[in-house]
Each structure stands twice: as C-alpha cells, then as structure tokens.
PDB file of N, CA and C in Angstrom:
ATOM      1  N   MET A   1     -18.204 -87.920 -64.940  1.00  0.00           N
ATOM      2  CA  MET A   1     -17.268 -87.001 -64.336  1.00  0.00           C
ATOM      3  C   MET A   1     -16.961 -85.851 -65.285  1.00  0.00           C
ATOM      4  N   GLU A   2     -16.845 -84.713 -64.666  1.00  0.00           N
ATOM      5  CA  GLU A   2     -16.440 -83.564 -65.476  1.00  0.00           C
ATOM      6  C   GLU A   2     -14.962 -83.638 -65.734  1.00  0.00           C
ATOM      7  N   ASN A   3     -14.489 -82.861 -66.677  1.00  0.00           N
ATOM      8  CA  ASN A   3     -13.079 -82.866 -67.070  1.00  0.00           C
ATOM      9  C   ASN A   3     -12.178 -82.420 -65.912  1.00  0.00           C
ATOM     10  N   GLY A   4     -12.599 -81.476 -65.065  1.00  0.00           N
ATOM     11  CA  GLY A   4     -11.776 -80.971 -63.970  1.00  0.00           C
ATOM     12  C   GLY A   4     -11.728 -81.925 -62.795  1.00  0.00           C
ATOM     13  N   ASP A   5     -12.595 -82.923 -62.736  1.00  0.00           N
ATOM     14  CA  ASP A   5     -12.648 -83.834 -61.598  1.00  0.00           C
ATOM     15  C   ASP A   5     -11.963 -85.170 -61.854  1.00  0.00           C
ATOM     16  N   ARG A   6     -11.525 -85.409 -63.059  1.00  0.00           N
ATOM     17  CA  ARG A   6     -10.920 -86.719 -63.329  1.00  0.00           C
ATOM     18  C   ARG A   6      -9.461 -86.722 -62.893  1.00  0.00           C
ATOM     19  N   PRO A   7      -8.904 -87.860 -62.526  1.00  0.00           N
ATOM     20  CA  PRO A   7      -7.511 -87.938 -62.098  1.00  0.00           C
ATOM     21  C   PRO A   7      -6.562 -87.624 -63.250  1.00  0.00           C
ATOM     22  N   ALA A   8      -5.381 -87.081 -62.889  1.00  0.00           N
ATOM     23  CA  ALA A   8      -4.382 -86.734 -63.898  1.00  0.00           C
ATOM     24  C   ALA A   8      -3.690 -87.990 -64.385  1.00  0.00           C
ATOM     25  N   THR A   9      -3.401 -88.018 -65.669  1.00  0.00           N
ATOM     26  CA  THR A   9      -2.682 -89.157 -66.259  1.00  0.00           C
ATOM     27  C   THR A   9      -1.257 -88.708 -66.565  1.00  0.00           C
ATOM     28  N   LYS A  10      -0.420 -89.695 -66.935  1.00  0.00           N
ATOM     29  CA  LYS A  10       0.958 -89.361 -67.306  1.00  0.00           C
ATOM     30  C   LYS A  10       0.968 -88.425 -68.500  1.00  0.00           C
ATOM     31  N   LYS A  11       0.029 -88.618 -69.378  1.00  0.00           N
ATOM     32  CA  LYS A  11      -0.044 -87.755 -70.555  1.00  0.00           C
ATOM     33  C   LYS A  11      -0.339 -86.316 -70.122  1.00  0.00           C
ATOM     34  N   ASP A  12      -1.243 -86.148 -69.144  1.00  0.00           N
ATOM     35  CA  ASP A  12      -1.554 -84.807 -68.648  1.00  0.00           C
ATOM     36  C   ASP A  12      -0.325 -84.160 -67.997  1.00  0.00           C
ATOM     37  N   LEU A  13       0.410 -84.973 -67.219  1.00  0.00           N
ATOM     38  CA  LEU A  13       1.615 -84.459 -66.567  1.00  0.00           C
ATOM     39  C   LEU A  13       2.682 -84.083 -67.597  1.00  0.00           C
ATOM     40  N   ASP A  14       2.853 -84.907 -68.626  1.00  0.00           N
ATOM     41  CA  ASP A  14       3.834 -84.582 -69.676  1.00  0.00           C
ATOM     42  C   ASP A  14       3.452 -83.305 -70.401  1.00  0.00           C
ATOM     43  N   GLN A  15       2.156 -83.128 -70.636  1.00  0.00           N
ATOM     44  CA  GLN A  15       1.678 -81.918 -71.298  1.00  0.00           C
ATOM     45  C   GLN A  15       1.945 -80.700 -70.413  1.00  0.00           C
ATOM     46  N   LEU A  16       1.716 -80.842 -69.101  1.00  0.00           N
ATOM     47  CA  LEU A  16       1.972 -79.752 -68.159  1.00  0.00           C
ATOM     48  C   LEU A  16       3.451 -79.395 -68.118  1.00  0.00           C
ATOM     49  N   ARG A  17       4.299 -80.431 -68.107  1.00  0.00           N
ATOM     50  CA  ARG A  17       5.732 -80.178 -68.111  1.00  0.00           C
ATOM     51  C   ARG A  17       6.183 -79.432 -69.365  1.00  0.00           C
ATOM     52  N   SER A  18       5.622 -79.800 -70.478  1.00  0.00           N
ATOM     53  CA  SER A  18       6.019 -79.138 -71.727  1.00  0.00           C
ATOM     54  C   SER A  18       5.522 -77.692 -71.751  1.00  0.00           C
ATOM     55  N   GLU A  19       4.419 -77.412 -71.076  1.00  0.00           N
ATOM     56  CA  GLU A  19       3.885 -76.051 -71.034  1.00  0.00           C
ATOM     57  C   GLU A  19       4.699 -75.170 -70.087  1.00  0.00           C
ATOM     58  N   LEU A  20       5.233 -75.782 -69.038  1.00  0.00           N
ATOM     59  CA  LEU A  20       6.041 -75.005 -68.101  1.00  0.00           C
ATOM     60  C   LEU A  20       7.373 -74.612 -68.745  1.00  0.00           C
ATOM     61  N   ALA A  21       7.870 -73.490 -68.325  1.00  0.00           N
ATOM     62  CA  ALA A  21       9.157 -73.027 -68.862  1.00  0.00           C
ATOM     63  C   ALA A  21      10.250 -73.943 -68.394  1.00  0.00           C
ATOM     64  N   SER A  22      11.256 -74.043 -69.195  1.00  0.00           N
ATOM     65  CA  SER A  22      12.395 -74.880 -68.819  1.00  0.00           C
ATOM     66  C   SER A  22      13.151 -74.196 -67.690  1.00  0.00           C
ATOM     67  N   LYS A  23      14.047 -74.925 -67.071  1.00  0.00           N
ATOM     68  CA  LYS A  23      14.839 -74.360 -65.978  1.00  0.00           C
ATOM     69  C   LYS A  23      15.642 -73.167 -66.464  1.00  0.00           C
ATOM     70  N   GLN A  24      16.152 -73.196 -67.649  1.00  0.00           N
ATOM     71  CA  GLN A  24      16.918 -72.088 -68.185  1.00  0.00           C
ATOM     72  C   GLN A  24      16.031 -70.847 -68.338  1.00  0.00           C
ATOM     73  N   ASP A  25      14.816 -71.049 -68.792  1.00  0.00           N
ATOM     74  CA  ASP A  25      13.893 -69.924 -68.916  1.00  0.00           C
ATOM     75  C   ASP A  25      13.574 -69.332 -67.552  1.00  0.00           C
ATOM     76  N   LEU A  26      13.438 -70.179 -66.550  1.00  0.00           N
ATOM     77  CA  LEU A  26      13.178 -69.698 -65.192  1.00  0.00           C
ATOM     78  C   LEU A  26      14.375 -68.918 -64.650  1.00  0.00           C
ATOM     79  N   ASP A  27      15.597 -69.394 -64.930  1.00  0.00           N
ATOM     80  CA  ASP A  27      16.793 -68.670 -64.493  1.00  0.00           C
ATOM     81  C   ASP A  27      16.874 -67.293 -65.161  1.00  0.00           C
ATOM     82  N   GLN A  28      16.552 -67.238 -66.452  1.00  0.00           N
ATOM     83  CA  GLN A  28      16.565 -65.963 -67.155  1.00  0.00           C
ATOM     84  C   GLN A  28      15.513 -65.019 -66.589  1.00  0.00           C
ATOM     85  N   LEU A  29      14.340 -65.558 -66.308  1.00  0.00           N
ATOM     86  CA  LEU A  29      13.269 -64.744 -65.732  1.00  0.00           C
ATOM     87  C   LEU A  29      13.679 -64.218 -64.351  1.00  0.00           C
ATOM     88  N   ARG A  30      14.312 -65.101 -63.547  1.00  0.00           N
ATOM     89  CA  ARG A  30      14.767 -64.682 -62.223  1.00  0.00           C
ATOM     90  C   ARG A  30      15.830 -63.582 -62.330  1.00  0.00           C
ATOM     91  N   ASP A  31      16.781 -63.747 -63.252  1.00  0.00           N
ATOM     92  CA  ASP A  31      17.810 -62.725 -63.440  1.00  0.00           C
ATOM     93  C   ASP A  31      17.201 -61.412 -63.913  1.00  0.00           C
ATOM     94  N   GLN A  32      16.237 -61.492 -64.786  1.00  0.00           N
ATOM     95  CA  GLN A  32      15.563 -60.288 -65.275  1.00  0.00           C
ATOM     96  C   GLN A  32      14.816 -59.596 -64.139  1.00  0.00           C
ATOM     97  N   MET A  33      14.124 -60.370 -63.310  1.00  0.00           N
ATOM     98  CA  MET A  33      13.382 -59.817 -62.179  1.00  0.00           C
ATOM     99  C   MET A  33      14.359 -59.166 -61.187  1.00  0.00           C
ATOM    100  N   ARG A  34      15.491 -59.793 -60.931  1.00  0.00           N
ATOM    101  CA  ARG A  34      16.484 -59.222 -60.031  1.00  0.00           C
ATOM    102  C   ARG A  34      16.992 -57.890 -60.560  1.00  0.00           C
ATOM    103  N   GLY A  35      17.284 -57.839 -61.853  1.00  0.00           N
ATOM    104  CA  GLY A  35      17.754 -56.600 -62.454  1.00  0.00           C
ATOM    105  C   GLY A  35      16.725 -55.488 -62.337  1.00  0.00           C
ATOM    106  N   GLU A  36      15.476 -55.822 -62.620  1.00  0.00           N
ATOM    107  CA  GLU A  36      14.410 -54.826 -62.508  1.00  0.00           C
ATOM    108  C   GLU A  36      14.225 -54.380 -61.064  1.00  0.00           C
ATOM    109  N   LEU A  37      14.290 -55.342 -60.145  1.00  0.00           N
ATOM    110  CA  LEU A  37      14.144 -55.013 -58.729  1.00  0.00           C
ATOM    111  C   LEU A  37      15.282 -54.109 -58.263  1.00  0.00           C
ATOM    112  N   ARG A  38      16.511 -54.414 -58.694  1.00  0.00           N
ATOM    113  CA  ARG A  38      17.654 -53.559 -58.341  1.00  0.00           C
ATOM    114  C   ARG A  38      17.464 -52.144 -58.870  1.00  0.00           C
ATOM    115  N   ALA A  39      16.997 -52.030 -60.111  1.00  0.00           N
ATOM    116  CA  ALA A  39      16.789 -50.708 -60.696  1.00  0.00           C
ATOM    117  C   ALA A  39      15.734 -49.927 -59.931  1.00  0.00           C
ATOM    118  N   VAL A  40      14.652 -50.603 -59.572  1.00  0.00           N
ATOM    119  CA  VAL A  40      13.577 -49.949 -58.829  1.00  0.00           C
ATOM    120  C   VAL A  40      14.074 -49.543 -57.437  1.00  0.00           C
ATOM    121  N   MET A  41      14.789 -50.454 -56.772  1.00  0.00           N
ATOM    122  CA  MET A  41      15.303 -50.144 -55.431  1.00  0.00           C
ATOM    123  C   MET A  41      16.307 -49.016 -55.488  1.00  0.00           C
ATOM    124  N   LYS A  42      17.151 -48.992 -56.496  1.00  0.00           N
ATOM    125  CA  LYS A  42      18.154 -47.934 -56.630  1.00  0.00           C
ATOM    126  C   LYS A  42      17.444 -46.587 -56.796  1.00  0.00           C
ATOM    127  N   GLN A  43      16.436 -46.554 -57.649  1.00  0.00           N
ATOM    128  CA  GLN A  43      15.697 -45.295 -57.860  1.00  0.00           C
ATOM    129  C   GLN A  43      14.984 -44.873 -56.575  1.00  0.00           C
ATOM    130  N   ASP A  44      14.404 -45.831 -55.859  1.00  0.00           N
ATOM    131  CA  ASP A  44      13.739 -45.503 -54.594  1.00  0.00           C
ATOM    132  C   ASP A  44      14.735 -44.945 -53.582  1.00  0.00           C
ATOM    133  N   LEU A  45      15.926 -45.530 -53.516  1.00  0.00           N
ATOM    134  CA  LEU A  45      16.954 -45.019 -52.599  1.00  0.00           C
ATOM    135  C   LEU A  45      17.390 -43.603 -52.986  1.00  0.00           C
ATOM    136  N   ILE A  46      17.526 -43.350 -54.275  1.00  0.00           N
ATOM    137  CA  ILE A  46      17.887 -42.008 -54.726  1.00  0.00           C
ATOM    138  C   ILE A  46      16.792 -41.017 -54.348  1.00  0.00           C
ATOM    139  N   ASP A  47      15.530 -41.428 -54.539  1.00  0.00           N
ATOM    140  CA  ASP A  47      14.402 -40.548 -54.178  1.00  0.00           C
ATOM    141  C   ASP A  47      14.382 -40.260 -52.684  1.00  0.00           C
ATOM    142  N   MET A  48      14.613 -41.292 -51.869  1.00  0.00           N
ATOM    143  CA  MET A  48      14.628 -41.084 -50.420  1.00  0.00           C
ATOM    144  C   MET A  48      15.773 -40.167 -50.023  1.00  0.00           C
ATOM    145  N   GLU A  49      16.936 -40.364 -50.617  1.00  0.00           N
ATOM    146  CA  GLU A  49      18.081 -39.505 -50.306  1.00  0.00           C
ATOM    147  C   GLU A  49      17.768 -38.053 -50.661  1.00  0.00           C
ATOM    148  N   THR A  50      17.127 -37.860 -51.796  1.00  0.00           N
ATOM    149  CA  THR A  50      16.761 -36.501 -52.217  1.00  0.00           C
ATOM    150  C   THR A  50      15.803 -35.868 -51.227  1.00  0.00           C
ATOM    151  N   ARG A  51      14.808 -36.627 -50.765  1.00  0.00           N
ATOM    152  CA  ARG A  51      13.854 -36.080 -49.803  1.00  0.00           C
ATOM    153  C   ARG A  51      14.537 -35.748 -48.479  1.00  0.00           C
ATOM    154  N   VAL A  52      15.443 -36.606 -48.034  1.00  0.00           N
ATOM    155  CA  VAL A  52      16.156 -36.346 -46.783  1.00  0.00           C
ATOM    156  C   VAL A  52      17.017 -35.083 -46.912  1.00  0.00           C
ATOM    157  N   LEU A  53      17.735 -34.976 -48.022  1.00  0.00           N
ATOM    158  CA  LEU A  53      18.574 -33.791 -48.222  1.00  0.00           C
ATOM    159  C   LEU A  53      17.738 -32.525 -48.308  1.00  0.00           C
ATOM    160  N   LYS A  54      16.609 -32.590 -48.970  1.00  0.00           N
ATOM    161  CA  LYS A  54      15.723 -31.416 -49.044  1.00  0.00           C
ATOM    162  C   LYS A  54      15.248 -31.018 -47.648  1.00  0.00           C
ATOM    163  N   ALA A  55      14.950 -32.013 -46.823  1.00  0.00           N
ATOM    164  CA  ALA A  55      14.507 -31.709 -45.457  1.00  0.00           C
ATOM    165  C   ALA A  55      15.640 -31.039 -44.675  1.00  0.00           C
ATOM    166  N   PHE A  56      16.872 -31.535 -44.822  1.00  0.00           N
ATOM    167  CA  PHE A  56      17.997 -30.924 -44.127  1.00  0.00           C
ATOM    168  C   PHE A  56      18.268 -29.513 -44.636  1.00  0.00           C
ATOM    169  N   TYR A  57      18.141 -29.316 -45.953  1.00  0.00           N
ATOM    170  CA  TYR A  57      18.346 -27.974 -46.496  1.00  0.00           C
ATOM    171  C   TYR A  57      17.302 -27.011 -45.962  1.00  0.00           C
ATOM    172  N   GLY A  58      16.051 -27.468 -45.860  1.00  0.00           N
ATOM    173  CA  GLY A  58      15.005 -26.624 -45.269  1.00  0.00           C
ATOM    174  C   GLY A  58      15.321 -26.274 -43.838  1.00  0.00           C
ATOM    175  N   PHE A  59      15.787 -27.261 -43.077  1.00  0.00           N
ATOM    176  CA  PHE A  59      16.170 -27.010 -41.687  1.00  0.00           C
ATOM    177  C   PHE A  59      17.326 -26.014 -41.625  1.00  0.00           C
ATOM    178  N   ALA A  60      18.306 -26.191 -42.509  1.00  0.00           N
ATOM    179  CA  ALA A  60      19.474 -25.297 -42.514  1.00  0.00           C
ATOM    180  C   ALA A  60      19.066 -23.868 -42.834  1.00  0.00           C
ATOM    181  N   ARG A  61      18.154 -23.710 -43.787  1.00  0.00           N
ATOM    182  CA  ARG A  61      17.698 -22.363 -44.127  1.00  0.00           C
ATOM    183  C   ARG A  61      17.002 -21.710 -42.946  1.00  0.00           C
ATOM    184  N   THR A  62      16.120 -22.450 -42.297  1.00  0.00           N
ATOM    185  CA  THR A  62      15.423 -21.919 -41.128  1.00  0.00           C
ATOM    186  C   THR A  62      16.401 -21.592 -40.018  1.00  0.00           C
ATOM    187  N   ASN A  63      17.331 -22.489 -39.775  1.00  0.00           N
ATOM    188  CA  ASN A  63      18.337 -22.274 -38.740  1.00  0.00           C
ATOM    189  C   ASN A  63      19.195 -21.057 -39.066  1.00  0.00           C
ATOM    190  N   ASP A  64      19.539 -20.883 -40.323  1.00  0.00           N
ATOM    191  CA  ASP A  64      20.343 -19.723 -40.727  1.00  0.00           C
ATOM    192  C   ASP A  64      19.584 -18.429 -40.485  1.00  0.00           C
ATOM    193  N   LYS A  65      18.293 -18.417 -40.802  1.00  0.00           N
ATOM    194  CA  LYS A  65      17.476 -17.225 -40.538  1.00  0.00           C
ATOM    195  C   LYS A  65      17.422 -16.918 -39.046  1.00  0.00           C
ATOM    196  N   ASN A  66      17.244 -17.968 -38.249  1.00  0.00           N
ATOM    197  CA  ASN A  66      17.198 -17.767 -36.799  1.00  0.00           C
ATOM    198  C   ASN A  66      18.519 -17.244 -36.262  1.00  0.00           C
ATOM    199  N   MET A  67      19.617 -17.769 -36.785  1.00  0.00           N
ATOM    200  CA  MET A  67      20.929 -17.294 -36.332  1.00  0.00           C
ATOM    201  C   MET A  67      21.146 -15.836 -36.717  1.00  0.00           C
ATOM    202  N   LYS A  68      20.706 -15.449 -37.901  1.00  0.00           N
ATOM    203  CA  LYS A  68      20.832 -14.042 -38.314  1.00  0.00           C
ATOM    204  C   LYS A  68      20.014 -13.132 -37.411  1.00  0.00           C
ATOM    205  N   GLN A  69      18.788 -13.576 -37.099  1.00  0.00           N
ATOM    206  CA  GLN A  69      17.954 -12.783 -36.196  1.00  0.00           C
ATOM    207  C   GLN A  69      18.600 -12.696 -34.815  1.00  0.00           C
ATOM    208  N   LEU A  70      19.150 -13.778 -34.355  1.00  0.00           N
ATOM    209  CA  LEU A  70      19.817 -13.777 -33.055  1.00  0.00           C
ATOM    210  C   LEU A  70      21.016 -12.844 -33.078  1.00  0.00           C
ATOM    211  N   GLY A  71      21.764 -12.849 -34.166  1.00  0.00           N
ATOM    212  CA  GLY A  71      22.894 -11.952 -34.301  1.00  0.00           C
ATOM    213  C   GLY A  71      22.461 -10.490 -34.282  1.00  0.00           C
ATOM    214  N   MET A  72      21.366 -10.201 -34.989  1.00  0.00           N
ATOM    215  CA  MET A  72      20.868  -8.820 -34.999  1.00  0.00           C
ATOM    216  C   MET A  72      20.383  -8.432 -33.608  1.00  0.00           C
ATOM    217  N   SER A  73      19.729  -9.368 -32.913  1.00  0.00           N
ATOM    218  CA  SER A  73      19.275  -9.065 -31.563  1.00  0.00           C
ATOM    219  C   SER A  73      20.447  -8.804 -30.635  1.00  0.00           C
ATOM    220  N   TYR A  74      21.510  -9.586 -30.793  1.00  0.00           N
ATOM    221  CA  TYR A  74      22.701  -9.401 -29.960  1.00  0.00           C
ATOM    222  C   TYR A  74      23.304  -8.018 -30.201  1.00  0.00           C
ATOM    223  N   VAL A  75      23.371  -7.621 -31.471  1.00  0.00           N
ATOM    224  CA  VAL A  75      23.923  -6.305 -31.796  1.00  0.00           C
ATOM    225  C   VAL A  75      23.059  -5.215 -31.171  1.00  0.00           C
ATOM    226  N   ALA A  76      21.744  -5.363 -31.272  1.00  0.00           N
ATOM    227  CA  ALA A  76      20.834  -4.359 -30.701  1.00  0.00           C
ATOM    228  C   ALA A  76      20.996  -4.275 -29.186  1.00  0.00           C
ATOM    229  N   VAL A  77      21.059  -5.408 -28.531  1.00  0.00           N
ATOM    230  CA  VAL A  77      21.220  -5.424 -27.072  1.00  0.00           C
ATOM    231  C   VAL A  77      22.577  -4.853 -26.698  1.00  0.00           C
ATOM    232  N   SER A  78      23.609  -5.194 -27.445  1.00  0.00           N
ATOM    233  CA  SER A  78      24.942  -4.680 -27.173  1.00  0.00           C
ATOM    234  C   SER A  78      24.965  -3.152 -27.301  1.00  0.00           C
ATOM    235  N   ASP A  79      24.310  -2.636 -28.330  1.00  0.00           N
ATOM    236  CA  ASP A  79      24.239  -1.176 -28.493  1.00  0.00           C
ATOM    237  C   ASP A  79      23.520  -0.525 -27.323  1.00  0.00           C
ATOM    238  N   ARG A  80      22.432  -1.139 -26.881  1.00  0.00           N
ATOM    239  CA  ARG A  80      21.683  -0.572 -25.746  1.00  0.00           C
ATOM    240  C   ARG A  80      22.503  -0.600 -24.470  1.00  0.00           C
ATOM    241  N   VAL A  81      23.228  -1.688 -24.241  1.00  0.00           N
ATOM    242  CA  VAL A  81      24.077  -1.782 -23.055  1.00  0.00           C
ATOM    243  C   VAL A  81      25.172  -0.721 -23.119  1.00  0.00           C
ATOM    244  N   GLU A  82      25.734  -0.499 -24.283  1.00  0.00           N
ATOM    245  CA  GLU A  82      26.770   0.524 -24.451  1.00  0.00           C
ATOM    246  C   GLU A  82      26.210   1.910 -24.117  1.00  0.00           C
ATOM    247  N   VAL A  83      24.985   2.202 -24.561  1.00  0.00           N
ATOM    248  CA  VAL A  83      24.364   3.486 -24.253  1.00  0.00           C
ATOM    249  C   VAL A  83      24.156   3.630 -22.744  1.00  0.00           C
ATOM    250  N   ILE A  84      23.687   2.567 -22.105  1.00  0.00           N
ATOM    251  CA  ILE A  84      23.464   2.604 -20.649  1.00  0.00           C
ATOM    252  C   ILE A  84      24.779   2.805 -19.927  1.00  0.00           C
ATOM    253  N   GLU A  85      25.825   2.106 -20.374  1.00  0.00           N
ATOM    254  CA  GLU A  85      27.136   2.279 -19.729  1.00  0.00           C
ATOM    255  C   GLU A  85      27.628   3.715 -19.853  1.00  0.00           C
ATOM    256  N   ARG A  86      27.439   4.320 -21.036  1.00  0.00           N
ATOM    257  CA  ARG A  86      27.844   5.715 -21.216  1.00  0.00           C
ATOM    258  C   ARG A  86      27.074   6.635 -20.281  1.00  0.00           C
ATOM    259  N   ARG A  87      25.774   6.402 -20.149  1.00  0.00           N
ATOM    260  CA  ARG A  87      24.962   7.249 -19.258  1.00  0.00           C
ATOM    261  C   ARG A  87      25.401   7.100 -17.805  1.00  0.00           C
ATOM    262  N   VAL A  88      25.668   5.888 -17.371  1.00  0.00           N
ATOM    263  CA  VAL A  88      26.133   5.670 -16.007  1.00  0.00           C
ATOM    264  C   VAL A  88      27.473   6.359 -15.788  1.00  0.00           C
ATOM    265  N   LEU A  89      28.378   6.276 -16.759  1.00  0.00           N
ATOM    266  CA  LEU A  89      29.664   6.949 -16.645  1.00  0.00           C
ATOM    267  C   LEU A  89      29.492   8.466 -16.572  1.00  0.00           C
ATOM    268  N   ASP A  90      28.573   8.998 -17.389  1.00  0.00           N
ATOM    269  CA  ASP A  90      28.296  10.443 -17.328  1.00  0.00           C
ATOM    270  C   ASP A  90      27.779  10.838 -15.948  1.00  0.00           C
ATOM    271  N   LEU A  91      26.879  10.046 -15.384  1.00  0.00           N
ATOM    272  CA  LEU A  91      26.362  10.326 -14.048  1.00  0.00           C
ATOM    273  C   LEU A  91      27.480  10.272 -13.004  1.00  0.00           C
ATOM    274  N   GLU A  92      28.345   9.286 -13.104  1.00  0.00           N
ATOM    275  CA  GLU A  92      29.443   9.163 -12.164  1.00  0.00           C
ATOM    276  C   GLU A  92      30.387  10.371 -12.271  1.00  0.00           C
ATOM    277  N   GLU A  93      30.629  10.823 -13.487  1.00  0.00           N
ATOM    278  CA  GLU A  93      31.491  11.995 -13.667  1.00  0.00           C
ATOM    279  C   GLU A  93      30.851  13.252 -13.077  1.00  0.00           C
ATOM    280  N   ARG A  94      29.530  13.395 -13.281  1.00  0.00           N
ATOM    281  CA  ARG A  94      28.840  14.561 -12.726  1.00  0.00           C
ATOM    282  C   ARG A  94      28.858  14.577 -11.208  1.00  0.00           C
ATOM    283  N   LEU A  95      28.712  13.405 -10.651  1.00  0.00           N
ATOM    284  CA  LEU A  95      28.703  13.296  -9.193  1.00  0.00           C
ATOM    285  C   LEU A  95      30.105  13.136  -8.628  1.00  0.00           C
ATOM    286  N   ASN A  96      31.077  13.110  -9.500  1.00  0.00           N
ATOM    287  CA  ASN A  96      32.473  12.974  -9.110  1.00  0.00           C
ATOM    288  C   ASN A  96      32.696  11.692  -8.303  1.00  0.00           C
ATOM    289  N   MET A  97      32.084  10.598  -8.804  1.00  0.00           N
ATOM    290  CA  MET A  97      32.262   9.302  -8.157  1.00  0.00           C
ATOM    291  C   MET A  97      33.203   8.469  -9.037  1.00  0.00           C
ATOM    292  N   PRO A  98      34.069   7.711  -8.430  1.00  0.00           N
ATOM    293  CA  PRO A  98      34.917   6.858  -9.253  1.00  0.00           C
ATOM    294  C   PRO A  98      34.064   5.737  -9.883  1.00  0.00           C
ATOM    295  N   PRO A  99      34.472   5.273 -11.019  1.00  0.00           N
ATOM    296  CA  PRO A  99      33.668   4.259 -11.687  1.00  0.00           C
ATOM    297  C   PRO A  99      33.727   2.890 -11.012  1.00  0.00           C
ATOM    298  N   TRP A 100      34.623   2.715 -10.096  1.00  0.00           N
ATOM    299  CA  TRP A 100      34.686   1.453  -9.356  1.00  0.00           C
ATOM    300  C   TRP A 100      35.047   1.750  -7.907  1.00  0.00           C
ATOM    301  N   PRO A 101      34.719   0.877  -7.018  1.00  0.00           N
ATOM    302  CA  PRO A 101      35.037   1.153  -5.625  1.00  0.00           C
ATOM    303  C   PRO A 101      36.539   1.077  -5.395  1.00  0.00           C
ATOM    304  N   ILE A 102      37.040   2.044  -4.609  1.00  0.00           N
ATOM    305  CA  ILE A 102      38.470   2.060  -4.295  1.00  0.00           C
ATOM    306  C   ILE A 102      38.665   1.265  -3.017  1.00  0.00           C
ATOM    307  N   PRO A 103      39.551   0.277  -3.075  1.00  0.00           N
ATOM    308  CA  PRO A 103      39.760  -0.509  -1.864  1.00  0.00           C
ATOM    309  C   PRO A 103      40.471   0.339  -0.812  1.00  0.00           C
ATOM    310  N   PRO A 104      40.194   0.065   0.444  1.00  0.00           N
ATOM    311  CA  PRO A 104      40.860   0.837   1.514  1.00  0.00           C
ATOM    312  C   PRO A 104      42.368   0.593   1.498  1.00  0.00           C
ATOM    313  N   SER A 105      43.111   1.646   1.753  1.00  0.00           N
ATOM    314  CA  SER A 105      44.568   1.495   1.745  1.00  0.00           C
ATOM    315  C   SER A 105      45.003   0.855   3.047  1.00  0.00           C
ATOM    316  N   PRO A 106      46.005   0.051   2.987  1.00  0.00           N
ATOM    317  CA  PRO A 106      46.490  -0.619   4.201  1.00  0.00           C
ATOM    318  C   PRO A 106      47.139   0.402   5.147  1.00  0.00           C
ATOM    319  N   SER A 107      46.936   0.237   6.419  1.00  0.00           N
ATOM    320  CA  SER A 107      47.510   1.145   7.418  1.00  0.00           C
ATOM    321  C   SER A 107      48.994   0.843   7.607  1.00  0.00           C
ATOM    322  N   LEU A 108      49.729   1.937   7.766  1.00  0.00           N
ATOM    323  CA  LEU A 108      51.172   1.766   7.993  1.00  0.00           C
ATOM    324  C   LEU A 108      51.535   1.887   9.410  1.00  0.00           C
TER     325      LEU A 108
END
C-alpha cells in the first residue's frame, strides 16, 4: 500500500490536530477577516456613493443648462409676442378700432 492509501491511525489524527490552529487562533483569524471585510465593504460603499453623487451632479448640470436655455427661449418668445401686440395695437389705432369688443348697451 502506498502512504496515501493506508488507514489513519490515532497518531496520525493527533498529528493533524496539533497542526491545526487552536480554537483561539481560529477566533483571531475570524475577527481579523471580519475587520478586513468591513474595511473593504466600507470603502466599496464610499466608492459607490461617490459614483452615484457624480451621476446626480452630471444630471443637475445638464438640467441646469436646459433650464437656462428654456429661460432664454421664453424671454425671446415673450419679446416677440410683445412686438406683435404692439403692431396689432398700432393697426387698431390706425383703423380707429377699439382694442376689445364693446358689449352692446342695454336698452332702456
């Protein structure tokens, strides 16, 4: 029989036990792993938060530009409407028309 195929003896088991870390060593290793995992998870959460905030800031910048363009468009349209209103008023004055319809007076 080869060495890997023979049955384990008590001596082999005792040797294996002595090679394995004690329970205290395992607890320390577990605590260390938890601490490292927390640190990694905390950094990952910070990175994700940063990416989300950057995405919102990009959206806000784009939205702000769109709102400014919309405001400028509104001003331009408002100016054009004002010019048209002035022209219509000038035409009404030339034709001696009242700017609004006069309701019929009630009969007495």
